Amino acid sequence: MSVVVVLLSVALVIVVATLAATAAAILARTDGATLPAALKTAATVFAAVVTLACAITAVLTPVL
């Protein structure tokens, strides 16, 4: 049961990070950024969301 919960949580984090990165890239392109700049923004947002998820997991691990 625990493995299933971990895998579903990882999948959810990846989906949320991808959606946030896509939204950031679309907003950057709408603002007039070039394609490489928009991709850089998307990569930064994706990494930030995954890092935040890791930090939250590290903080909550002793509690659970």
PDB file of N, CA and C in Angstrom:
ATOM      1  N   MET A   1       0.825  -1.198   0.000  1.00  0.00           N
ATOM      2  CA  MET A   1       0.000   0.000   0.000  1.00  0.00           C
ATOM      3  C   MET A   1       0.866   1.258   0.000  1.00  0.00           C
ATOM      4  N   SER A   2       1.946   1.230   0.769  1.00  0.00           N
ATOM      5  CA  SER A   2       2.802   2.401   0.892  1.00  0.00           C
ATOM      6  C   SER A   2       3.497   2.737  -0.427  1.00  0.00           C
ATOM      7  N   VAL A   3       3.901   1.709  -1.164  1.00  0.00           N
ATOM      8  CA  VAL A   3       4.572   1.934  -2.445  1.00  0.00           C
ATOM      9  C   VAL A   3       3.623   2.601  -3.429  1.00  0.00           C
ATOM     10  N   VAL A   4       2.384   2.201  -3.406  1.00  0.00           N
ATOM     11  CA  VAL A   4       1.380   2.780  -4.304  1.00  0.00           C
ATOM     12  C   VAL A   4       1.174   4.257  -3.990  1.00  0.00           C
ATOM     13  N   VAL A   5       1.126   4.595  -2.721  1.00  0.00           N
ATOM     14  CA  VAL A   5       0.941   5.992  -2.322  1.00  0.00           C
ATOM     15  C   VAL A   5       2.136   6.835  -2.756  1.00  0.00           C
ATOM     16  N   VAL A   6       3.323   6.299  -2.600  1.00  0.00           N
ATOM     17  CA  VAL A   6       4.523   7.036  -3.013  1.00  0.00           C
ATOM     18  C   VAL A   6       4.530   7.253  -4.522  1.00  0.00           C
ATOM     19  N   LEU A   7       4.219   6.223  -5.280  1.00  0.00           N
ATOM     20  CA  LEU A   7       4.208   6.355  -6.740  1.00  0.00           C
ATOM     21  C   LEU A   7       3.140   7.337  -7.216  1.00  0.00           C
ATOM     22  N   LEU A   8       1.971   7.300  -6.607  1.00  0.00           N
ATOM     23  CA  LEU A   8       0.924   8.252  -6.982  1.00  0.00           C
ATOM     24  C   LEU A   8       1.312   9.685  -6.598  1.00  0.00           C
ATOM     25  N   SER A   9       1.975   9.848  -5.482  1.00  0.00           N
ATOM     26  CA  SER A   9       2.419  11.182  -5.070  1.00  0.00           C
ATOM     27  C   SER A   9       3.467  11.725  -6.029  1.00  0.00           C
ATOM     28  N   VAL A  10       4.401  10.871  -6.423  1.00  0.00           N
ATOM     29  CA  VAL A  10       5.427  11.303  -7.385  1.00  0.00           C
ATOM     30  C   VAL A  10       4.786  11.674  -8.716  1.00  0.00           C
ATOM     31  N   ALA A  11       3.833  10.887  -9.162  1.00  0.00           N
ATOM     32  CA  ALA A  11       3.148  11.188 -10.418  1.00  0.00           C
ATOM     33  C   ALA A  11       2.396  12.512 -10.326  1.00  0.00           C
ATOM     34  N   LEU A  12       1.765  12.761  -9.197  1.00  0.00           N
ATOM     35  CA  LEU A  12       1.042  14.019  -9.013  1.00  0.00           C
ATOM     36  C   LEU A  12       1.993  15.216  -9.025  1.00  0.00           C
ATOM     37  N   VAL A  13       3.139  15.077  -8.384  1.00  0.00           N
ATOM     38  CA  VAL A  13       4.121  16.164  -8.368  1.00  0.00           C
ATOM     39  C   VAL A  13       4.626  16.447  -9.782  1.00  0.00           C
ATOM     40  N   ILE A  14       4.893  15.403 -10.548  1.00  0.00           N
ATOM     41  CA  ILE A  14       5.366  15.585 -11.924  1.00  0.00           C
ATOM     42  C   ILE A  14       4.302  16.276 -12.768  1.00  0.00           C
ATOM     43  N   VAL A  15       3.051  15.899 -12.613  1.00  0.00           N
ATOM     44  CA  VAL A  15       1.965  16.522 -13.382  1.00  0.00           C
ATOM     45  C   VAL A  15       1.819  17.993 -13.006  1.00  0.00           C
ATOM     46  N   VAL A  16       1.848  18.297 -11.720  1.00  0.00           N
ATOM     47  CA  VAL A  16       1.708  19.686 -11.274  1.00  0.00           C
ATOM     48  C   VAL A  16       2.899  20.514 -11.749  1.00  0.00           C
ATOM     49  N   ALA A  17       4.098  19.962 -11.666  1.00  0.00           N
ATOM     50  CA  ALA A  17       5.283  20.686 -12.130  1.00  0.00           C
ATOM     51  C   ALA A  17       5.224  20.942 -13.629  1.00  0.00           C
ATOM     52  N   THR A  18       4.744  19.970 -14.388  1.00  0.00           N
ATOM     53  CA  THR A  18       4.622  20.150 -15.836  1.00  0.00           C
ATOM     54  C   THR A  18       3.580  21.212 -16.176  1.00  0.00           C
ATOM     55  N   LEU A  19       2.461  21.196 -15.464  1.00  0.00           N
ATOM     56  CA  LEU A  19       1.439  22.220 -15.704  1.00  0.00           C
ATOM     57  C   LEU A  19       1.951  23.619 -15.354  1.00  0.00           C
ATOM     58  N   ALA A  20       2.671  23.739 -14.254  1.00  0.00           N
ATOM     59  CA  ALA A  20       3.214  25.044 -13.873  1.00  0.00           C
ATOM     60  C   ALA A  20       4.252  25.521 -14.881  1.00  0.00           C
ATOM     61  N   ALA A  21       5.091  24.606 -15.354  1.00  0.00           N
ATOM     62  CA  ALA A  21       6.102  24.973 -16.348  1.00  0.00           C
ATOM     63  C   ALA A  21       5.464  25.385 -17.670  1.00  0.00           C
ATOM     64  N   THR A  22       4.409  24.678 -18.057  1.00  0.00           N
ATOM     65  CA  THR A  22       3.709  25.032 -19.292  1.00  0.00           C
ATOM     66  C   THR A  22       3.069  26.408 -19.176  1.00  0.00           C
ATOM     67  N   ALA A  23       2.446  26.669 -18.054  1.00  0.00           N
ATOM     68  CA  ALA A  23       1.824  27.977 -17.844  1.00  0.00           C
ATOM     69  C   ALA A  23       2.877  29.087 -17.857  1.00  0.00           C
ATOM     70  N   ALA A  24       4.022  28.835 -17.248  1.00  0.00           N
ATOM     71  CA  ALA A  24       5.088  29.842 -17.238  1.00  0.00           C
ATOM     72  C   ALA A  24       5.617  30.107 -18.644  1.00  0.00           C
ATOM     73  N   ALA A  25       5.765  29.056 -19.435  1.00  0.00           N
ATOM     74  CA  ALA A  25       6.248  29.234 -20.807  1.00  0.00           C
ATOM     75  C   ALA A  25       5.230  29.989 -21.650  1.00  0.00           C
ATOM     76  N   ILE A  26       3.971  29.678 -21.478  1.00  0.00           N
ATOM     77  CA  ILE A  26       2.935  30.391 -22.239  1.00  0.00           C
ATOM     78  C   ILE A  26       2.898  31.859 -21.856  1.00  0.00           C
ATOM     79  N   LEU A  27       2.984  32.140 -20.560  1.00  0.00           N
ATOM     80  CA  LEU A  27       2.996  33.537 -20.124  1.00  0.00           C
ATOM     81  C   LEU A  27       4.232  34.276 -20.626  1.00  0.00           C
ATOM     82  N   ALA A  28       5.366  33.595 -20.644  1.00  0.00           N
ATOM     83  CA  ALA A  28       6.587  34.234 -21.139  1.00  0.00           C
ATOM     84  C   ALA A  28       6.477  34.533 -22.628  1.00  0.00           C
ATOM     85  N   ARG A  29       5.922  33.585 -23.391  1.00  0.00           N
ATOM     86  CA  ARG A  29       5.765  33.829 -24.830  1.00  0.00           C
ATOM     87  C   ARG A  29       4.748  34.929 -25.103  1.00  0.00           C
ATOM     88  N   THR A  30       3.703  34.989 -24.298  1.00  0.00           N
ATOM     89  CA  THR A  30       2.702  36.043 -24.453  1.00  0.00           C
ATOM     90  C   THR A  30       3.312  37.414 -24.162  1.00  0.00           C
ATOM     91  N   ASP A  31       4.267  37.414 -23.235  1.00  0.00           N
ATOM     92  CA  ASP A  31       4.924  38.662 -22.859  1.00  0.00           C
ATOM     93  C   ASP A  31       5.968  39.093 -23.893  1.00  0.00           C
ATOM     94  N   GLY A  32       6.213  38.254 -24.891  1.00  0.00           N
ATOM     95  CA  GLY A  32       7.128  38.630 -25.959  1.00  0.00           C
ATOM     96  C   GLY A  32       8.510  38.018 -25.845  1.00  0.00           C
ATOM     97  N   ALA A  33       8.693  37.037 -24.987  1.00  0.00           N
ATOM     98  CA  ALA A  33      10.004  36.406 -24.843  1.00  0.00           C
ATOM     99  C   ALA A  33      10.279  35.491 -26.037  1.00  0.00           C
ATOM    100  N   THR A  34      11.560  35.298 -26.310  1.00  0.00           N
ATOM    101  CA  THR A  34      11.940  34.384 -27.380  1.00  0.00           C
ATOM    102  C   THR A  34      11.710  32.950 -26.902  1.00  0.00           C
ATOM    103  N   LEU A  35      11.755  32.013 -27.837  1.00  0.00           N
ATOM    104  CA  LEU A  35      11.527  30.616 -27.479  1.00  0.00           C
ATOM    105  C   LEU A  35      12.572  30.082 -26.489  1.00  0.00           C
ATOM    106  N   PRO A  36      13.876  30.345 -26.698  1.00  0.00           N
ATOM    107  CA  PRO A  36      14.842  29.868 -25.698  1.00  0.00           C
ATOM    108  C   PRO A  36      14.618  30.476 -24.307  1.00  0.00           C
ATOM    109  N   ALA A  37      14.227  31.732 -24.258  1.00  0.00           N
ATOM    110  CA  ALA A  37      13.960  32.363 -22.961  1.00  0.00           C
ATOM    111  C   ALA A  37      12.729  31.750 -22.299  1.00  0.00           C
ATOM    112  N   ALA A  38      11.722  31.438 -23.087  1.00  0.00           N
ATOM    113  CA  ALA A  38      10.521  30.809 -22.535  1.00  0.00           C
ATOM    114  C   ALA A  38      10.823  29.402 -22.032  1.00  0.00           C
ATOM    115  N   LEU A  39      11.648  28.664 -22.758  1.00  0.00           N
ATOM    116  CA  LEU A  39      12.028  27.326 -22.314  1.00  0.00           C
ATOM    117  C   LEU A  39      12.867  27.380 -21.041  1.00  0.00           C
ATOM    118  N   LYS A  40      13.727  28.392 -20.945  1.00  0.00           N
ATOM    119  CA  LYS A  40      14.522  28.570 -19.726  1.00  0.00           C
ATOM    120  C   LYS A  40      13.605  28.868 -18.535  1.00  0.00           C
ATOM    121  N   THR A  41      12.602  29.680 -18.747  1.00  0.00           N
ATOM    122  CA  THR A  41      11.638  29.998 -17.694  1.00  0.00           C
ATOM    123  C   THR A  41      10.875  28.747 -17.279  1.00  0.00           C
ATOM    124  N   ALA A  42      10.466  27.967 -18.260  1.00  0.00           N
ATOM    125  CA  ALA A  42       9.723  26.737 -17.964  1.00  0.00           C
ATOM    126  C   ALA A  42      10.583  25.755 -17.172  1.00  0.00           C
ATOM    127  N   ALA A  43      11.840  25.626 -17.556  1.00  0.00           N
ATOM    128  CA  ALA A  43      12.738  24.715 -16.838  1.00  0.00           C
ATOM    129  C   ALA A  43      12.978  25.177 -15.406  1.00  0.00           C
ATOM    130  N   THR A  44      13.091  26.473 -15.228  1.00  0.00           N
ATOM    131  CA  THR A  44      13.293  27.019 -13.883  1.00  0.00           C
ATOM    132  C   THR A  44      12.077  26.763 -13.003  1.00  0.00           C
ATOM    133  N   VAL A  45      10.899  26.965 -13.548  1.00  0.00           N
ATOM    134  CA  VAL A  45       9.671  26.733 -12.775  1.00  0.00           C
ATOM    135  C   VAL A  45       9.516  25.252 -12.457  1.00  0.00           C
ATOM    136  N   PHE A  46       9.800  24.377 -13.424  1.00  0.00           N
ATOM    137  CA  PHE A  46       9.704  22.932 -13.185  1.00  0.00           C
ATOM    138  C   PHE A  46      10.641  22.518 -12.058  1.00  0.00           C
ATOM    139  N   ALA A  47      11.874  22.990 -12.113  1.00  0.00           N
ATOM    140  CA  ALA A  47      12.843  22.648 -11.067  1.00  0.00           C
ATOM    141  C   ALA A  47      12.424  23.204  -9.711  1.00  0.00           C
ATOM    142  N   ALA A  48      11.850  24.396  -9.704  1.00  0.00           N
ATOM    143  CA  ALA A  48      11.409  24.988  -8.440  1.00  0.00           C
ATOM    144  C   ALA A  48      10.273  24.192  -7.812  1.00  0.00           C
ATOM    145  N   VAL A  49       9.335  23.741  -8.617  1.00  0.00           N
ATOM    146  CA  VAL A  49       8.206  22.970  -8.078  1.00  0.00           C
ATOM    147  C   VAL A  49       8.690  21.624  -7.538  1.00  0.00           C
ATOM    148  N   VAL A  50       9.576  20.960  -8.250  1.00  0.00           N
ATOM    149  CA  VAL A  50      10.091  19.677  -7.785  1.00  0.00           C
ATOM    150  C   VAL A  50      10.923  19.861  -6.515  1.00  0.00           C
ATOM    151  N   THR A  51      11.723  20.929  -6.454  1.00  0.00           N
ATOM    152  CA  THR A  51      12.514  21.212  -5.261  1.00  0.00           C
ATOM    153  C   THR A  51      11.617  21.515  -4.068  1.00  0.00           C
ATOM    154  N   LEU A  52      10.564  22.271  -4.289  1.00  0.00           N
ATOM    155  CA  LEU A  52       9.621  22.564  -3.211  1.00  0.00           C
ATOM    156  C   LEU A  52       8.947  21.284  -2.706  1.00  0.00           C
ATOM    157  N   ALA A  53       8.591  20.397  -3.609  1.00  0.00           N
ATOM    158  CA  ALA A  53       7.988  19.131  -3.205  1.00  0.00           C
ATOM    159  C   ALA A  53       8.961  18.287  -2.385  1.00  0.00           C
ATOM    160  N   CYS A  54      10.222  18.295  -2.782  1.00  0.00           N
ATOM    161  CA  CYS A  54      11.239  17.553  -2.008  1.00  0.00           C
ATOM    162  C   CYS A  54      11.427  18.151  -0.630  1.00  0.00           C
ATOM    163  N   ALA A  55      11.435  19.473  -0.539  1.00  0.00           N
ATOM    164  CA  ALA A  55      11.601  20.134   0.757  1.00  0.00           C
ATOM    165  C   ALA A  55      10.421  19.850   1.674  1.00  0.00           C
ATOM    166  N   ILE A  56       9.225  19.896   1.137  1.00  0.00           N
ATOM    167  CA  ILE A  56       8.032  19.606   1.941  1.00  0.00           C
ATOM    168  C   ILE A  56       8.062  18.148   2.412  1.00  0.00           C
ATOM    169  N   THR A  57       8.484  17.248   1.548  1.00  0.00           N
ATOM    170  CA  THR A  57       8.576  15.841   1.918  1.00  0.00           C
ATOM    171  C   THR A  57       9.599  15.644   3.038  1.00  0.00           C
ATOM    172  N   ALA A  58      10.739  16.320   2.935  1.00  0.00           N
ATOM    173  CA  ALA A  58      11.769  16.194   3.970  1.00  0.00           C
ATOM    174  C   ALA A  58      11.289  16.723   5.313  1.00  0.00           C
ATOM    175  N   VAL A  59      10.503  17.790   5.289  1.00  0.00           N
ATOM    176  CA  VAL A  59       9.998  18.351   6.534  1.00  0.00           C
ATOM    177  C   VAL A  59       8.929  17.455   7.140  1.00  0.00           C
ATOM    178  N   LEU A  60       8.073  16.880   6.314  1.00  0.00           N
ATOM    179  CA  LEU A  60       6.958  16.080   6.825  1.00  0.00           C
ATOM    180  C   LEU A  60       7.305  14.629   7.137  1.00  0.00           C
ATOM    181  N   THR A  61       8.463  14.154   6.707  1.00  0.00           N
ATOM    182  CA  THR A  61       8.825  12.764   6.929  1.00  0.00           C
ATOM    183  C   THR A  61       8.856  12.379   8.416  1.00  0.00           C
ATOM    184  N   PRO A  62       9.453  13.179   9.291  1.00  0.00           N
ATOM    185  CA  PRO A  62       9.443  12.774  10.714  1.00  0.00           C
ATOM    186  C   PRO A  62       8.038  12.770  11.331  1.00  0.00           C
ATOM    187  N   VAL A  63       7.156  13.597  10.813  1.00  0.00           N
ATOM    188  CA  VAL A  63       5.803  13.681  11.359  1.00  0.00           C
ATOM    189  C   VAL A  63       4.997  12.438  11.001  1.00  0.00           C
ATOM    190  N   LEU A  64       5.188  11.972   9.777  1.00  0.00           N
ATOM    191  CA  LEU A  64       4.425  10.806   9.325  1.00  0.00           C
ATOM    192  C   LEU A  64       5.138   9.593   9.783  1.00  0.00           C
TER     193      LEU A  64
END
